[in-house]
Amino acid sequence: MEDSDIIKRDHQRNKSEIVKLVKEMFSQEKWGDEEYKKKLQELVVKDEKLVQDVIKKIKLEKGLE
């Protein structure tokens, strides 16, 4: 498995975790709860980094960087 495929897979997993957390927040009526906000923010920051890594790896594999 290529590095970009691994990073893409990690990105998909992280997106699933974000969706799972948001569903949990709504089901428990804790939207806006500080603990959930912190967890969600951590996942969003992680996702942004993963997206940057995916773009970088694809560019490297295609010789664009």
PDB file of N, CA and C in Angstrom:
ATOM      1  N   MET A   1       0.855  -1.174   0.000  1.00  0.00           N
ATOM      2  CA  MET A   1       0.000   0.000   0.000  1.00  0.00           C
ATOM      3  C   MET A   1       0.903   1.240   0.000  1.00  0.00           C
ATOM      4  N   GLU A   2       0.626   2.158  -0.900  1.00  0.00           N
ATOM      5  CA  GLU A   2       1.418   3.375  -1.003  1.00  0.00           C
ATOM      6  C   GLU A   2       1.116   4.308   0.160  1.00  0.00           C
ATOM      7  N   ASP A   3       2.077   5.205   0.430  1.00  0.00           N
ATOM      8  CA  ASP A   3       1.897   6.164   1.520  1.00  0.00           C
ATOM      9  C   ASP A   3       0.620   6.975   1.358  1.00  0.00           C
ATOM     10  N   SER A   4       0.333   7.410   0.136  1.00  0.00           N
ATOM     11  CA  SER A   4      -0.865   8.226  -0.071  1.00  0.00           C
ATOM     12  C   SER A   4      -2.131   7.414   0.221  1.00  0.00           C
ATOM     13  N   ASP A   5      -2.120   6.124  -0.084  1.00  0.00           N
ATOM     14  CA  ASP A   5      -3.275   5.278   0.211  1.00  0.00           C
ATOM     15  C   ASP A   5      -3.473   5.124   1.722  1.00  0.00           C
ATOM     16  N   ILE A   6      -2.375   4.997   2.437  1.00  0.00           N
ATOM     17  CA  ILE A   6      -2.445   4.870   3.896  1.00  0.00           C
ATOM     18  C   ILE A   6      -3.004   6.157   4.499  1.00  0.00           C
ATOM     19  N   ILE A   7      -2.511   7.301   4.029  1.00  0.00           N
ATOM     20  CA  ILE A   7      -2.983   8.586   4.543  1.00  0.00           C
ATOM     21  C   ILE A   7      -4.446   8.802   4.186  1.00  0.00           C
ATOM     22  N   LYS A   8      -4.842   8.420   2.964  1.00  0.00           N
ATOM     23  CA  LYS A   8      -6.249   8.537   2.569  1.00  0.00           C
ATOM     24  C   LYS A   8      -7.131   7.687   3.474  1.00  0.00           C
ATOM     25  N   ARG A   9      -6.671   6.478   3.780  1.00  0.00           N
ATOM     26  CA  ARG A   9      -7.431   5.586   4.669  1.00  0.00           C
ATOM     27  C   ARG A   9      -7.563   6.211   6.057  1.00  0.00           C
ATOM     28  N   ASP A  10      -6.470   6.770   6.569  1.00  0.00           N
ATOM     29  CA  ASP A  10      -6.506   7.425   7.877  1.00  0.00           C
ATOM     30  C   ASP A  10      -7.466   8.611   7.872  1.00  0.00           C
ATOM     31  N   HIS A  11      -7.481   9.348   6.762  1.00  0.00           N
ATOM     32  CA  HIS A  11      -8.393  10.487   6.615  1.00  0.00           C
ATOM     33  C   HIS A  11      -9.848  10.005   6.661  1.00  0.00           C
ATOM     34  N   GLN A  12     -10.140   8.926   5.957  1.00  0.00           N
ATOM     35  CA  GLN A  12     -11.505   8.375   5.954  1.00  0.00           C
ATOM     36  C   GLN A  12     -11.918   7.936   7.359  1.00  0.00           C
ATOM     37  N   ARG A  13     -10.998   7.291   8.065  1.00  0.00           N
ATOM     38  CA  ARG A  13     -11.289   6.853   9.434  1.00  0.00           C
ATOM     39  C   ARG A  13     -11.572   8.047  10.336  1.00  0.00           C
ATOM     40  N   ASN A  14     -10.771   9.094  10.184  1.00  0.00           N
ATOM     41  CA  ASN A  14     -10.961  10.285  11.007  1.00  0.00           C
ATOM     42  C   ASN A  14     -12.305  10.944  10.702  1.00  0.00           C
ATOM     43  N   LYS A  15     -12.680  11.002   9.420  1.00  0.00           N
ATOM     44  CA  LYS A  15     -13.988  11.569   9.066  1.00  0.00           C
ATOM     45  C   LYS A  15     -15.100  10.758   9.707  1.00  0.00           C
ATOM     46  N   SER A  16     -14.949   9.453   9.735  1.00  0.00           N
ATOM     47  CA  SER A  16     -15.946   8.595  10.372  1.00  0.00           C
ATOM     48  C   SER A  16     -16.041   8.888  11.862  1.00  0.00           C
ATOM     49  N   GLU A  17     -14.908   9.136  12.498  1.00  0.00           N
ATOM     50  CA  GLU A  17     -14.901   9.479  13.922  1.00  0.00           C
ATOM     51  C   GLU A  17     -15.608  10.804  14.177  1.00  0.00           C
ATOM     52  N   ILE A  18     -15.419  11.765  13.266  1.00  0.00           N
ATOM     53  CA  ILE A  18     -16.096  13.063  13.396  1.00  0.00           C
ATOM     54  C   ILE A  18     -17.605  12.872  13.313  1.00  0.00           C
ATOM     55  N   VAL A  19     -18.054  12.118  12.330  1.00  0.00           N
ATOM     56  CA  VAL A  19     -19.492  11.864  12.156  1.00  0.00           C
ATOM     57  C   VAL A  19     -20.050  11.140  13.378  1.00  0.00           C
ATOM     58  N   LYS A  20     -19.324  10.155  13.850  1.00  0.00           N
ATOM     59  CA  LYS A  20     -19.757   9.389  15.026  1.00  0.00           C
ATOM     60  C   LYS A  20     -19.902  10.305  16.241  1.00  0.00           C
ATOM     61  N   LEU A  21     -18.930  11.186  16.450  1.00  0.00           N
ATOM     62  CA  LEU A  21     -18.977  12.094  17.586  1.00  0.00           C
ATOM     63  C   LEU A  21     -20.142  13.068  17.475  1.00  0.00           C
ATOM     64  N   VAL A  22     -20.381  13.609  16.282  1.00  0.00           N
ATOM     65  CA  VAL A  22     -21.491  14.544  16.088  1.00  0.00           C
ATOM     66  C   VAL A  22     -22.822  13.842  16.347  1.00  0.00           C
ATOM     67  N   LYS A  23     -22.970  12.624  15.849  1.00  0.00           N
ATOM     68  CA  LYS A  23     -24.205  11.860  16.101  1.00  0.00           C
ATOM     69  C   LYS A  23     -24.400  11.627  17.597  1.00  0.00           C
ATOM     70  N   GLU A  24     -23.304  11.309  18.284  1.00  0.00           N
ATOM     71  CA  GLU A  24     -23.371  11.086  19.726  1.00  0.00           C
ATOM     72  C   GLU A  24     -23.780  12.366  20.447  1.00  0.00           C
ATOM     73  N   MET A  25     -23.221  13.492  20.021  1.00  0.00           N
ATOM     74  CA  MET A  25     -23.558  14.772  20.636  1.00  0.00           C
ATOM     75  C   MET A  25     -25.043  15.066  20.506  1.00  0.00           C
ATOM     76  N   PHE A  26     -25.596  14.830  19.321  1.00  0.00           N
ATOM     77  CA  PHE A  26     -27.019  15.091  19.103  1.00  0.00           C
ATOM     78  C   PHE A  26     -27.890  14.098  19.858  1.00  0.00           C
ATOM     79  N   SER A  27     -27.514  12.820  19.837  1.00  0.00           N
ATOM     80  CA  SER A  27     -28.350  11.815  20.494  1.00  0.00           C
ATOM     81  C   SER A  27     -28.415  12.031  22.002  1.00  0.00           C
ATOM     82  N   GLN A  28     -27.341  12.558  22.571  1.00  0.00           N
ATOM     83  CA  GLN A  28     -27.316  12.812  24.007  1.00  0.00           C
ATOM     84  C   GLN A  28     -27.682  14.253  24.345  1.00  0.00           C
ATOM     85  N   GLU A  29     -28.079  14.995  23.308  1.00  0.00           N
ATOM     86  CA  GLU A  29     -28.458  16.397  23.459  1.00  0.00           C
ATOM     87  C   GLU A  29     -27.376  17.198  24.181  1.00  0.00           C
ATOM     88  N   LYS A  30     -26.128  16.955  23.755  1.00  0.00           N
ATOM     89  CA  LYS A  30     -24.994  17.651  24.356  1.00  0.00           C
ATOM     90  C   LYS A  30     -24.287  18.533  23.333  1.00  0.00           C
ATOM     91  N   TRP A  31     -25.042  18.983  22.334  1.00  0.00           N
ATOM     92  CA  TRP A  31     -24.453  19.882  21.354  1.00  0.00           C
ATOM     93  C   TRP A  31     -24.022  21.152  22.072  1.00  0.00           C
ATOM     94  N   GLY A  32     -22.771  21.517  21.933  1.00  0.00           N
ATOM     95  CA  GLY A  32     -22.254  22.693  22.605  1.00  0.00           C
ATOM     96  C   GLY A  32     -21.561  22.384  23.923  1.00  0.00           C
ATOM     97  N   ASP A  33     -21.652  21.147  24.380  1.00  0.00           N
ATOM     98  CA  ASP A  33     -20.972  20.731  25.599  1.00  0.00           C
ATOM     99  C   ASP A  33     -19.460  20.898  25.417  1.00  0.00           C
ATOM    100  N   GLU A  34     -18.797  21.504  26.377  1.00  0.00           N
ATOM    101  CA  GLU A  34     -17.367  21.828  26.247  1.00  0.00           C
ATOM    102  C   GLU A  34     -16.506  20.593  25.990  1.00  0.00           C
ATOM    103  N   GLU A  35     -16.814  19.491  26.657  1.00  0.00           N
ATOM    104  CA  GLU A  35     -16.032  18.262  26.465  1.00  0.00           C
ATOM    105  C   GLU A  35     -16.136  17.781  25.014  1.00  0.00           C
ATOM    106  N   TYR A  36     -17.348  17.810  24.483  1.00  0.00           N
ATOM    107  CA  TYR A  36     -17.544  17.383  23.103  1.00  0.00           C
ATOM    108  C   TYR A  36     -16.928  18.380  22.122  1.00  0.00           C
ATOM    109  N   LYS A  37     -17.036  19.656  22.427  1.00  0.00           N
ATOM    110  CA  LYS A  37     -16.424  20.676  21.558  1.00  0.00           C
ATOM    111  C   LYS A  37     -14.924  20.439  21.437  1.00  0.00           C
ATOM    112  N   LYS A  38     -14.288  20.134  22.570  1.00  0.00           N
ATOM    113  CA  LYS A  38     -12.840  19.898  22.579  1.00  0.00           C
ATOM    114  C   LYS A  38     -12.491  18.662  21.739  1.00  0.00           C
ATOM    115  N   LYS A  39     -13.234  17.575  21.931  1.00  0.00           N
ATOM    116  CA  LYS A  39     -12.986  16.353  21.165  1.00  0.00           C
ATOM    117  C   LYS A  39     -13.175  16.610  19.669  1.00  0.00           C
ATOM    118  N   LEU A  40     -14.247  17.324  19.338  1.00  0.00           N
ATOM    119  CA  LEU A  40     -14.543  17.610  17.941  1.00  0.00           C
ATOM    120  C   LEU A  40     -13.453  18.485  17.327  1.00  0.00           C
ATOM    121  N   GLN A  41     -13.021  19.485  18.057  1.00  0.00           N
ATOM    122  CA  GLN A  41     -11.958  20.370  17.562  1.00  0.00           C
ATOM    123  C   GLN A  41     -10.672  19.586  17.316  1.00  0.00           C
ATOM    124  N   GLU A  42     -10.336  18.673  18.213  1.00  0.00           N
ATOM    125  CA  GLU A  42      -9.135  17.848  18.033  1.00  0.00           C
ATOM    126  C   GLU A  42      -9.235  17.014  16.758  1.00  0.00           C
ATOM    127  N   LEU A  43     -10.409  16.435  16.511  1.00  0.00           N
ATOM    128  CA  LEU A  43     -10.598  15.631  15.309  1.00  0.00           C
ATOM    129  C   LEU A  43     -10.538  16.486  14.048  1.00  0.00           C
ATOM    130  N   VAL A  44     -11.081  17.690  14.101  1.00  0.00           N
ATOM    131  CA  VAL A  44     -11.057  18.587  12.946  1.00  0.00           C
ATOM    132  C   VAL A  44      -9.625  19.003  12.626  1.00  0.00           C
ATOM    133  N   VAL A  45      -8.854  19.331  13.645  1.00  0.00           N
ATOM    134  CA  VAL A  45      -7.444  19.704  13.435  1.00  0.00           C
ATOM    135  C   VAL A  45      -6.676  18.513  12.851  1.00  0.00           C
ATOM    136  N   LYS A  46      -6.925  17.334  13.386  1.00  0.00           N
ATOM    137  CA  LYS A  46      -6.270  16.127  12.872  1.00  0.00           C
ATOM    138  C   LYS A  46      -6.648  15.918  11.408  1.00  0.00           C
ATOM    139  N   ASP A  47      -7.924  16.134  11.081  1.00  0.00           N
ATOM    140  CA  ASP A  47      -8.389  15.953   9.714  1.00  0.00           C
ATOM    141  C   ASP A  47      -7.721  16.944   8.768  1.00  0.00           C
ATOM    142  N   GLU A  48      -7.579  18.186   9.201  1.00  0.00           N
ATOM    143  CA  GLU A  48      -6.916  19.187   8.364  1.00  0.00           C
ATOM    144  C   GLU A  48      -5.487  18.772   8.064  1.00  0.00           C
ATOM    145  N   LYS A  49      -4.793  18.227   9.067  1.00  0.00           N
ATOM    146  CA  LYS A  49      -3.421  17.766   8.862  1.00  0.00           C
ATOM    147  C   LYS A  49      -3.388  16.576   7.900  1.00  0.00           C
ATOM    148  N   LEU A  50      -4.322  15.659   8.072  1.00  0.00           N
ATOM    149  CA  LEU A  50      -4.379  14.500   7.182  1.00  0.00           C
ATOM    150  C   LEU A  50      -4.629  14.919   5.733  1.00  0.00           C
ATOM    151  N   VAL A  51      -5.509  15.891   5.524  1.00  0.00           N
ATOM    152  CA  VAL A  51      -5.783  16.380   4.171  1.00  0.00           C
ATOM    153  C   VAL A  51      -4.516  16.981   3.570  1.00  0.00           C
ATOM    154  N   GLN A  52      -3.787  17.756   4.361  1.00  0.00           N
ATOM    155  CA  GLN A  52      -2.531  18.334   3.873  1.00  0.00           C
ATOM    156  C   GLN A  52      -1.531  17.241   3.521  1.00  0.00           C
ATOM    157  N   ASP A  53      -1.470  16.189   4.344  1.00  0.00           N
ATOM    158  CA  ASP A  53      -0.564  15.075   4.074  1.00  0.00           C
ATOM    159  C   ASP A  53      -0.940  14.338   2.788  1.00  0.00           C
ATOM    160  N   VAL A  54      -2.240  14.137   2.570  1.00  0.00           N
ATOM    161  CA  VAL A  54      -2.710  13.479   1.348  1.00  0.00           C
ATOM    162  C   VAL A  54      -2.277  14.279   0.125  1.00  0.00           C
ATOM    163  N   ILE A  55      -2.514  15.576   0.154  1.00  0.00           N
ATOM    164  CA  ILE A  55      -2.163  16.442  -0.978  1.00  0.00           C
ATOM    165  C   ILE A  55      -0.662  16.396  -1.232  1.00  0.00           C
ATOM    166  N   LYS A  56       0.121  16.479  -0.170  1.00  0.00           N
ATOM    167  CA  LYS A  56       1.583  16.467  -0.307  1.00  0.00           C
ATOM    168  C   LYS A  56       2.073  15.149  -0.904  1.00  0.00           C
ATOM    169  N   LYS A  57       1.568  14.035  -0.410  1.00  0.00           N
ATOM    170  CA  LYS A  57       1.998  12.719  -0.910  1.00  0.00           C
ATOM    171  C   LYS A  57       1.620  12.529  -2.375  1.00  0.00           C
ATOM    172  N   ILE A  58       0.420  12.957  -2.736  1.00  0.00           N
ATOM    173  CA  ILE A  58      -0.011  12.817  -4.137  1.00  0.00           C
ATOM    174  C   ILE A  58       0.882  13.657  -5.032  1.00  0.00           C
ATOM    175  N   LYS A  59       1.187  14.879  -4.623  1.00  0.00           N
ATOM    176  CA  LYS A  59       2.056  15.749  -5.413  1.00  0.00           C
ATOM    177  C   LYS A  59       3.448  15.141  -5.550  1.00  0.00           C
ATOM    178  N   LEU A  60       3.967  14.567  -4.458  1.00  0.00           N
ATOM    179  CA  LEU A  60       5.289  13.933  -4.511  1.00  0.00           C
ATOM    180  C   LEU A  60       5.287  12.741  -5.457  1.00  0.00           C
ATOM    181  N   GLU A  61       4.240  11.924  -5.391  1.00  0.00           N
ATOM    182  CA  GLU A  61       4.148  10.744  -6.249  1.00  0.00           C
ATOM    183  C   GLU A  61       4.027  11.126  -7.710  1.00  0.00           C
ATOM    184  N   LYS A  62       3.407  12.264  -7.991  1.00  0.00           N
ATOM    185  CA  LYS A  62       3.236  12.710  -9.375  1.00  0.00           C
ATOM    186  C   LYS A  62       4.377  13.612  -9.834  1.00  0.00           C
ATOM    187  N   GLY A  63       5.346  13.838  -8.941  1.00  0.00           N
ATOM    188  CA  GLY A  63       6.497  14.673  -9.289  1.00  0.00           C
ATOM    189  C   GLY A  63       6.170  16.151  -9.385  1.00  0.00           C
ATOM    190  N   LEU A  64       5.167  16.596  -8.684  1.00  0.00           N
ATOM    191  CA  LEU A  64       4.767  17.993  -8.734  1.00  0.00           C
ATOM    192  C   LEU A  64       5.444  18.828  -7.659  1.00  0.00           C
ATOM    193  N   GLU A  65       6.151  18.147  -6.745  1.00  0.00           N
ATOM    194  CA  GLU A  65       6.868  18.878  -5.688  1.00  0.00           C
ATOM    195  C   GLU A  65       8.252  18.335  -5.564  1.00  0.00           C
TER     196      GLU A  65
END
